[in-house]
Amino acid sequence: MSTLKQIKNYRFFLLVGVVVFGIAMIISFTFNPDENFPEPSNLQRFELIEPKFENSENLKLLPKTNLNKNNTKTQFFGYPVDSTNSIIQAENSEQKFSIRFTAKFSGDISNILLPIKTDEGNKVRVGIHEDKFGFPSKVPLARNDAHSYSIIIPSTEVIEVNFTQNVPITKGKTYHILIEPTINQNNQTTWLRAYHDNWRLNSLNHTDPDVTWADPSLDILFYDGEFWLETDNWPIYVIKYSNGLSDGQPYTLFAPWIIGEERYVGQAVIPYSSYTINEISFFVGTKGDPKDDLYYAIYDSKDMVMRDGLFAKKGEFQGPPKWQSASFWPSLTFESGELYRVVLYSPESTLKDGYHVYGHEFMLDKTLGYGSTIHHLTASFNGLESWIEWYDADAAFKFVNSN
């Protein structure tokens, strides 16, 4: 074969390779996260209903379907999230933030809640942008009318961004909430609150409130004046739709509750559909030098003990807080619509030398917490004489069925 033919053949195969690579890249960038984390394709055709649970507030759920929760060997329920809080900051008008998310619904965004703080005199612009290969597009949806300009004074930590016109988004597509300082006095700072570890999920699953709703696109991006960078931080935000629905990650603080003396702390749940468990886990740590072991108890709606036992020996805790589990047999079934409390206690420990159980609180919208308000952190500070319901908080916990 002549050298000229060899060159032509090489060019032909090179062209074919480039075309194949280009098609593969297009397919990869049109990945739909709902294919891995499906919701019913006819979500918008279902009539949203109010669950008949006390204190359910305005939780809107899909009608129950056959969830088949117990058809695999291991099932997890609860809110198994732990993380420290974090701050991301922009120090000049060239730097900006983006909260990247996958739309859970199709509809019009009317406003957004964001934990932003800035120095006095600064001006911050917020808009909704489409996603381009993982980063925000240059032009906001609905163009400049989609922007909201807000002067944020130093004492402001959560702002409500009201758009001049509703911004339409489509379920399953990725979008960005672009936050950019437009007036910056003497290179002062704008802060965005976040969580340090990215769990890439929303706490409320409208299809099944007993489990979380995963969002593989969820992240905070930072523009340093030249490049967009993925920070791998878990964002804090709430999106409000014009039809009354809400979406987002509403928790703002990961905090401890003290266990000791007459204090019982844990999680209350009202299952959306029945499921069986044989293991519980909480994120716990010590406070000082505990005088007693840590115990667990599971109560029904009449405060009758269903299971109880040792959760951890006091000598097991060394170093920082960690996940701790306890198993029991026989398994326990939580029936749909019934109230259950799973709590920890340590009666011989003191409030000074006891334990911490961790959870998430100070929510931007408590109806978006794990299971809305039908699941919530619960406590008794008087030896079970009465219960305190923290509807704006959830424990870091999980229930397991490993049968």
Protein backbone atom coordinates (compact mmCIF):
# COMPACT_ATOMS: atom_id res chain seq x y z
CA MET A 1 0.00 0.00 0.00
CA SER A 2 1.31 3.43 -0.92
CA THR A 3 2.15 6.00 1.73
CA LEU A 4 -0.64 8.27 0.41
CA LYS A 5 -3.26 5.51 0.82
CA GLN A 6 -1.99 4.76 4.30
CA ILE A 7 -2.44 8.43 5.26
CA LYS A 8 -5.98 8.49 3.79
CA ASN A 9 -6.93 5.31 5.66
CA TYR A 10 -5.51 6.73 8.88
CA ARG A 11 -7.52 9.91 8.42
CA PHE A 12 -10.71 7.88 7.76
CA PHE A 13 -10.35 5.77 10.90
CA LEU A 14 -9.43 8.86 12.93
CA LEU A 15 -12.62 10.59 11.71
CA VAL A 16 -14.73 7.54 12.63
CA GLY A 17 -13.16 7.48 16.09
CA VAL A 18 -13.92 11.16 16.68
CA VAL A 19 -17.57 10.68 15.63
CA VAL A 20 -18.02 7.65 17.92
CA PHE A 21 -16.39 9.53 20.83
CA GLY A 22 -18.66 12.53 20.23
CA ILE A 23 -21.80 10.38 20.29
CA ALA A 24 -20.63 8.73 23.51
CA MET A 25 -20.04 12.11 25.12
CA ILE A 26 -23.50 13.35 24.12
CA ILE A 27 -25.08 10.23 25.64
CA SER A 28 -23.07 10.64 28.85
CA PHE A 29 -24.05 14.28 29.26
CA THR A 30 -27.75 13.55 28.73
CA PHE A 31 -27.80 11.13 31.65
CA ASN A 32 -31.11 11.36 33.46
CA PRO A 33 -30.71 10.83 37.22
CA ASP A 34 -34.30 9.62 37.44
CA GLU A 35 -33.23 6.47 35.56
CA ASN A 36 -31.26 5.42 38.63
CA PHE A 37 -33.58 7.03 41.16
CA PRO A 38 -36.99 6.64 39.52
CA GLU A 39 -40.23 8.30 40.42
CA PRO A 40 -43.51 7.42 38.70
CA SER A 41 -43.37 8.77 35.16
CA ASN A 42 -46.93 10.04 35.47
CA LEU A 43 -46.20 12.01 38.65
CA GLN A 44 -47.98 15.12 37.40
CA ARG A 45 -51.15 13.13 36.61
CA PHE A 46 -51.54 11.82 40.16
CA GLU A 47 -53.81 13.76 42.48
CA LEU A 48 -51.70 14.88 45.43
CA ILE A 49 -53.33 14.07 48.73
CA GLU A 50 -52.94 15.03 52.36
CA PRO A 51 -51.99 12.09 54.64
CA LYS A 52 -54.35 11.62 57.55
CA PHE A 53 -51.65 11.91 60.20
CA GLU A 54 -51.77 14.32 63.11
CA ASN A 55 -49.38 17.27 62.73
CA SER A 56 -48.68 16.38 59.11
CA GLU A 57 -48.88 20.10 58.23
CA ASN A 58 -48.92 20.59 54.44
CA LEU A 59 -47.07 17.43 53.38
CA LYS A 60 -48.28 16.45 49.92
CA LEU A 61 -47.82 12.78 49.01
CA LEU A 62 -48.55 10.52 46.10
CA PRO A 63 -51.21 7.86 46.67
CA LYS A 64 -49.74 4.68 48.11
CA THR A 65 -48.45 2.06 45.73
CA ASN A 66 -46.93 -1.39 46.21
CA LEU A 67 -43.54 -0.28 47.55
CA ASN A 68 -42.22 -3.83 48.16
CA LYS A 69 -40.01 -2.60 50.97
CA ASN A 70 -39.22 -6.04 52.31
CA ASN A 71 -38.49 -7.92 49.09
CA THR A 72 -34.68 -7.74 49.32
CA LYS A 73 -32.26 -9.06 51.87
CA THR A 74 -31.32 -5.72 53.43
CA GLN A 75 -33.53 -2.62 53.62
CA PHE A 76 -32.63 0.77 55.11
CA PHE A 77 -35.01 3.41 56.42
CA GLY A 78 -34.45 6.69 58.22
CA TYR A 79 -32.11 9.63 57.81
CA PRO A 80 -28.53 8.24 57.94
CA VAL A 81 -26.76 11.57 57.45
CA ASP A 82 -23.96 13.09 59.50
CA SER A 83 -21.76 16.07 58.69
CA THR A 84 -20.19 19.21 60.10
CA ASN A 85 -21.34 22.64 59.01
CA SER A 86 -19.33 24.65 56.52
CA ILE A 87 -19.03 28.15 55.04
CA ILE A 88 -18.10 29.02 51.45
CA GLN A 89 -17.18 32.64 50.77
CA ALA A 90 -16.75 35.00 47.84
CA GLU A 91 -14.24 37.77 48.51
CA ASN A 92 -14.75 39.95 45.43
CA SER A 93 -17.27 40.63 42.67
CA GLU A 94 -15.56 38.18 40.30
CA GLN A 95 -16.32 35.18 42.51
CA LYS A 96 -19.72 33.51 42.66
CA PHE A 97 -21.60 30.40 43.83
CA SER A 98 -23.93 27.91 42.22
CA ILE A 99 -26.24 25.38 43.88
CA ARG A 100 -26.69 22.57 41.37
CA PHE A 101 -29.80 20.41 41.76
CA THR A 102 -32.15 18.08 39.93
CA ALA A 103 -35.75 19.27 39.69
CA LYS A 104 -38.07 16.95 41.59
CA PHE A 105 -41.18 18.45 39.97
CA SER A 106 -42.19 20.30 36.84
CA GLY A 107 -43.59 23.72 37.62
CA ASP A 108 -42.92 27.40 38.12
CA ILE A 109 -40.50 28.57 40.84
CA SER A 110 -41.92 31.58 42.66
CA ASN A 111 -39.23 32.09 45.34
CA ILE A 112 -36.21 30.53 47.03
CA LEU A 113 -34.85 30.49 50.59
CA LEU A 114 -31.05 30.74 50.87
CA PRO A 115 -28.64 31.06 53.85
CA ILE A 116 -26.58 34.00 52.58
CA LYS A 117 -24.80 36.69 54.55
CA THR A 118 -22.76 39.61 53.26
CA ASP A 119 -21.09 42.80 54.42
CA GLU A 120 -23.20 45.94 54.49
CA GLY A 121 -23.53 47.72 51.17
CA ASN A 122 -22.99 44.66 49.03
CA LYS A 123 -25.58 43.64 46.46
CA VAL A 124 -26.23 40.01 45.46
CA ARG A 125 -28.04 38.78 42.35
CA VAL A 126 -29.79 35.40 42.28
CA GLY A 127 -31.09 33.60 39.18
CA ILE A 128 -32.04 30.16 37.87
CA HIS A 129 -29.84 28.80 35.08
CA GLU A 130 -29.91 25.65 33.00
CA ASP A 131 -27.06 23.16 33.28
CA LYS A 132 -24.37 22.99 30.61
CA PHE A 133 -22.06 20.00 31.07
CA GLY A 134 -22.27 20.27 34.85
CA PHE A 135 -21.92 24.07 35.09
CA PRO A 136 -24.42 26.94 34.92
CA SER A 137 -25.33 28.44 31.55
CA LYS A 138 -24.47 32.09 31.02
CA VAL A 139 -28.04 33.25 30.39
CA PRO A 140 -30.63 32.88 33.16
CA LEU A 141 -34.02 31.35 32.50
CA ALA A 142 -36.54 34.03 31.50
CA ARG A 143 -33.50 36.27 30.98
CA ASN A 144 -33.08 39.21 33.34
CA ASP A 145 -36.67 38.99 34.55
CA ALA A 146 -35.68 35.80 36.38
CA HIS A 147 -33.19 37.70 38.52
CA SER A 148 -33.89 39.02 41.98
CA TYR A 149 -31.71 41.77 43.38
CA SER A 150 -31.39 41.92 47.16
CA ILE A 151 -29.44 44.12 49.52
CA ILE A 152 -28.37 41.80 52.33
CA ILE A 153 -27.41 43.50 55.58
CA PRO A 154 -24.85 41.86 57.93
CA SER A 155 -27.50 40.51 60.31
CA THR A 156 -29.27 38.65 57.51
CA GLU A 157 -28.54 34.91 57.42
CA VAL A 158 -31.52 33.57 55.49
CA ILE A 159 -33.04 35.50 52.62
CA GLU A 160 -36.20 34.91 50.62
CA VAL A 161 -35.57 35.59 46.95
CA ASN A 162 -38.78 36.59 45.16
CA PHE A 163 -38.57 36.55 41.39
CA THR A 164 -40.20 39.26 39.31
CA GLN A 165 -41.87 36.47 37.32
CA ASN A 166 -42.16 32.75 37.93
CA VAL A 167 -39.33 30.62 36.52
CA PRO A 168 -40.40 27.37 34.77
CA ILE A 169 -38.37 24.20 35.33
CA THR A 170 -38.86 20.57 34.25
CA LYS A 171 -38.79 17.45 36.41
CA GLY A 172 -35.62 15.40 36.01
CA LYS A 173 -33.50 18.20 34.50
CA THR A 174 -30.48 19.71 36.24
CA TYR A 175 -30.46 23.42 37.11
CA HIS A 176 -28.34 25.94 38.98
CA ILE A 177 -29.22 28.61 41.52
CA LEU A 178 -26.58 31.18 40.59
CA ILE A 179 -25.58 33.55 43.39
CA GLU A 180 -23.28 36.39 42.35
CA PRO A 181 -22.24 39.62 44.08
CA THR A 182 -22.87 42.47 41.65
CA ILE A 183 -21.82 45.34 43.91
CA ASN A 184 -18.95 44.65 46.28
CA GLN A 185 -17.68 47.48 48.49
CA ASN A 186 -13.90 47.29 48.91
CA ASN A 187 -13.78 43.54 48.22
CA GLN A 188 -15.91 42.66 51.22
CA THR A 189 -17.09 39.10 51.74
CA THR A 190 -20.29 37.20 50.90
CA TRP A 191 -20.87 33.91 52.75
CA LEU A 192 -22.95 30.88 51.78
CA ARG A 193 -23.71 28.37 54.53
CA ALA A 194 -23.45 24.68 53.70
CA TYR A 195 -22.62 21.24 55.06
CA HIS A 196 -19.05 19.99 54.79
CA ASP A 197 -19.92 16.51 53.47
CA ASN A 198 -22.12 16.11 50.42
CA TRP A 199 -24.82 13.45 50.80
CA ARG A 200 -26.44 14.27 47.45
CA LEU A 201 -30.00 13.77 48.63
CA ASN A 202 -33.20 15.49 49.65
CA SER A 203 -34.69 14.50 52.97
CA LEU A 204 -38.30 14.36 51.77
CA ASN A 205 -39.37 11.75 49.24
CA HIS A 206 -42.93 12.51 48.11
CA THR A 207 -43.28 8.99 46.68
CA ASP A 208 -42.21 7.23 49.89
CA PRO A 209 -41.49 9.41 52.96
CA ASP A 210 -39.85 6.51 54.80
CA VAL A 211 -36.72 6.78 52.62
CA THR A 212 -34.74 9.73 51.24
CA TRP A 213 -34.72 10.98 47.63
CA ALA A 214 -31.29 10.80 45.99
CA ASP A 215 -29.98 13.56 43.71
CA PRO A 216 -26.61 12.66 42.13
CA SER A 217 -26.20 16.19 40.72
CA LEU A 218 -26.55 18.00 44.06
CA ASP A 219 -23.48 20.12 44.86
CA ILE A 220 -22.19 23.64 45.46
CA LEU A 221 -19.98 25.05 42.73
CA PHE A 222 -17.59 27.97 43.20
CA TYR A 223 -16.28 30.30 40.50
CA ASP A 224 -12.88 31.71 41.47
CA GLY A 225 -12.85 34.35 38.74
CA GLU A 226 -11.43 31.99 36.13
CA PHE A 227 -12.75 28.45 36.59
CA TRP A 228 -15.83 26.71 38.00
CA LEU A 229 -14.95 24.22 40.77
CA GLU A 230 -17.11 21.51 42.38
CA THR A 231 -16.73 21.93 46.15
CA ASP A 232 -18.46 18.64 47.14
CA ASN A 233 -20.40 20.52 49.83
CA TRP A 234 -24.03 19.73 50.66
CA PRO A 235 -26.14 22.82 49.92
CA ILE A 236 -28.86 24.40 52.06
CA TYR A 237 -31.80 25.76 50.04
CA VAL A 238 -35.56 25.60 49.62
CA ILE A 239 -37.42 26.08 46.35
CA LYS A 240 -41.06 27.21 46.44
CA TYR A 241 -43.32 26.42 43.48
CA SER A 242 -46.32 28.52 42.51
CA ASN A 243 -48.63 25.50 43.03
CA GLY A 244 -47.66 25.25 46.71
CA LEU A 245 -45.09 22.43 46.45
CA SER A 246 -41.60 22.79 47.92
CA ASP A 247 -38.27 21.12 47.27
CA GLY A 248 -34.71 21.30 48.56
CA GLN A 249 -32.38 20.55 51.46
CA PRO A 250 -33.80 22.46 54.45
CA TYR A 251 -31.52 21.53 57.36
CA THR A 252 -29.09 24.21 58.52
CA LEU A 253 -27.37 22.83 61.63
CA PHE A 254 -25.94 19.47 62.72
CA ALA A 255 -26.17 19.52 66.52
CA PRO A 256 -26.06 17.26 69.62
CA TRP A 257 -28.79 16.52 72.18
CA ILE A 258 -27.70 15.52 75.71
CA ILE A 259 -28.63 12.10 77.15
CA GLY A 260 -28.39 11.42 80.88
CA GLU A 261 -30.45 11.26 84.07
CA GLU A 262 -34.14 11.45 83.04
CA ARG A 263 -33.50 12.47 79.42
CA TYR A 264 -34.56 10.21 76.55
CA VAL A 265 -33.81 11.35 73.00
CA GLY A 266 -34.44 9.71 69.62
CA GLN A 267 -36.74 9.65 66.62
CA ALA A 268 -40.51 9.40 66.28
CA VAL A 269 -41.88 7.88 63.05
CA ILE A 270 -45.28 7.19 61.55
CA PRO A 271 -44.54 4.78 58.66
CA TYR A 272 -46.14 5.59 55.34
CA SER A 273 -46.30 1.85 54.65
CA SER A 274 -45.51 -1.08 56.92
CA TYR A 275 -41.95 -2.38 57.20
CA THR A 276 -39.93 -4.72 59.42
CA ILE A 277 -36.63 -3.96 61.19
CA ASN A 278 -34.15 -5.85 63.37
CA GLU A 279 -31.44 -3.21 63.83
CA ILE A 280 -31.28 0.48 64.80
CA SER A 281 -28.41 2.95 64.44
CA PHE A 282 -27.75 6.47 65.75
CA PHE A 283 -24.83 8.87 65.43
CA VAL A 284 -23.64 9.24 69.04
CA GLY A 285 -20.75 10.45 71.18
CA THR A 286 -19.80 11.04 74.78
CA LYS A 287 -20.12 14.19 76.88
CA GLY A 288 -17.47 14.11 79.57
CA ASP A 289 -17.08 10.73 81.32
CA PRO A 290 -20.40 8.79 81.23
CA LYS A 291 -21.29 6.99 84.45
CA ASP A 292 -23.56 4.42 82.83
CA ASP A 293 -23.99 2.39 79.64
CA LEU A 294 -26.20 3.64 76.82
CA TYR A 295 -29.54 1.89 76.33
CA TYR A 296 -32.31 1.88 73.71
CA ALA A 297 -36.05 1.45 73.89
CA ILE A 298 -38.80 1.27 71.27
CA TYR A 299 -42.26 2.46 72.28
CA ASP A 300 -45.61 2.21 70.54
CA SER A 301 -48.26 4.93 70.45
CA LYS A 302 -49.46 3.95 73.95
CA ASP A 303 -45.89 4.20 75.35
CA MET A 304 -45.70 0.43 75.75
CA VAL A 305 -42.19 -1.00 75.40
CA MET A 306 -41.84 -3.13 72.27
CA ARG A 307 -38.08 -3.73 72.47
CA ASP A 308 -35.31 -2.48 74.78
CA GLY A 309 -31.76 -3.36 75.64
CA LEU A 310 -28.10 -2.34 75.66
CA PHE A 311 -27.13 0.06 72.89
CA ALA A 312 -23.44 0.46 73.79
CA LYS A 313 -21.10 -0.07 76.73
CA LYS A 314 -19.67 3.16 78.09
CA GLY A 315 -16.11 2.03 77.32
CA GLU A 316 -16.87 1.58 73.59
CA PHE A 317 -16.71 5.30 72.85
CA GLN A 318 -13.24 6.60 72.16
CA GLY A 319 -12.51 9.70 70.13
CA PRO A 320 -15.02 11.59 67.97
CA PRO A 321 -18.74 10.75 67.59
CA LYS A 322 -19.55 7.73 65.45
CA TRP A 323 -22.32 5.50 64.20
CA GLN A 324 -23.40 2.87 66.71
CA SER A 325 -25.88 0.04 66.14
CA ALA A 326 -27.90 -2.46 68.14
CA SER A 327 -29.66 -5.56 66.81
CA PHE A 328 -32.61 -7.45 68.29
CA TRP A 329 -34.59 -10.61 67.69
CA PRO A 330 -37.30 -11.34 66.80
CA SER A 331 -37.73 -8.64 64.19
CA LEU A 332 -40.21 -5.84 64.78
CA THR A 333 -42.85 -4.65 62.31
CA PHE A 334 -43.80 -0.98 62.18
CA GLU A 335 -47.36 -0.74 60.89
CA SER A 336 -48.45 1.96 58.48
CA GLY A 337 -50.05 4.97 60.16
CA GLU A 338 -49.00 4.02 63.72
CA LEU A 339 -46.72 6.12 65.92
CA TYR A 340 -43.42 4.65 67.15
CA ARG A 341 -40.60 6.20 69.18
CA VAL A 342 -37.05 4.83 69.12
CA VAL A 343 -35.01 6.53 71.85
CA LEU A 344 -31.71 6.31 73.74
CA TYR A 345 -31.18 6.82 77.47
CA SER A 346 -28.58 6.42 80.23
CA PRO A 347 -30.25 6.82 83.65
CA GLU A 348 -27.14 6.69 85.84
CA SER A 349 -25.19 9.15 83.69
CA THR A 350 -25.44 12.88 84.35
CA LEU A 351 -26.06 15.80 82.05
CA LYS A 352 -22.43 16.81 82.59
CA ASP A 353 -21.02 13.32 82.11
CA GLY A 354 -23.33 11.54 79.70
CA TYR A 355 -23.90 11.08 75.98
CA HIS A 356 -24.76 13.03 72.86
CA VAL A 357 -27.09 11.89 70.09
CA TYR A 358 -26.78 14.00 66.96
CA GLY A 359 -29.37 15.35 64.58
CA HIS A 360 -30.28 18.10 62.14
CA GLU A 361 -32.34 21.15 63.08
CA PHE A 362 -33.21 24.80 62.40
CA MET A 363 -34.81 23.88 59.10
CA LEU A 364 -35.65 26.51 56.50
CA ASP A 365 -38.89 24.62 55.92
CA LYS A 366 -39.83 21.96 58.46
CA THR A 367 -42.31 20.35 56.07
CA LEU A 368 -39.33 19.28 53.91
CA GLY A 369 -37.56 17.35 56.67
CA TYR A 370 -37.34 13.57 56.65
CA GLY A 371 -40.92 12.40 56.19
CA SER A 372 -42.10 16.01 56.63
CA THR A 373 -43.37 16.42 60.20
CA ILE A 374 -44.83 12.93 60.52
CA HIS A 375 -41.25 11.82 61.29
CA HIS A 376 -39.31 14.02 63.73
CA LEU A 377 -36.89 14.13 66.64
CA THR A 378 -38.56 13.32 69.98
CA ALA A 379 -37.41 13.63 73.60
CA SER A 380 -38.52 13.30 77.19
CA PHE A 381 -36.75 15.38 79.84
CA ASN A 382 -38.77 14.07 82.78
CA GLY A 383 -38.35 10.30 82.73
CA LEU A 384 -41.15 9.59 80.20
CA GLU A 385 -43.85 11.55 81.99
CA SER A 386 -44.30 13.57 78.77
CA TRP A 387 -42.80 13.91 75.30
CA ILE A 388 -41.30 16.92 73.52
CA GLU A 389 -41.81 16.89 69.75
CA TRP A 390 -39.12 18.63 67.66
CA TYR A 391 -40.99 19.06 64.39
CA ASP A 392 -38.13 21.15 62.98
CA ALA A 393 -35.45 18.50 63.61
CA ASP A 394 -34.57 14.88 62.86
CA ALA A 395 -32.07 12.56 64.48
CA ALA A 396 -29.23 11.10 62.41
CA PHE A 397 -30.48 7.52 62.44
CA LYS A 398 -31.31 4.46 60.37
CA PHE A 399 -33.44 1.37 60.75
CA VAL A 400 -32.32 -1.86 59.09
CA ASN A 401 -34.06 -5.03 58.02
CA SER A 402 -31.34 -7.59 57.32
CA ASN A 403 -33.51 -10.74 57.24
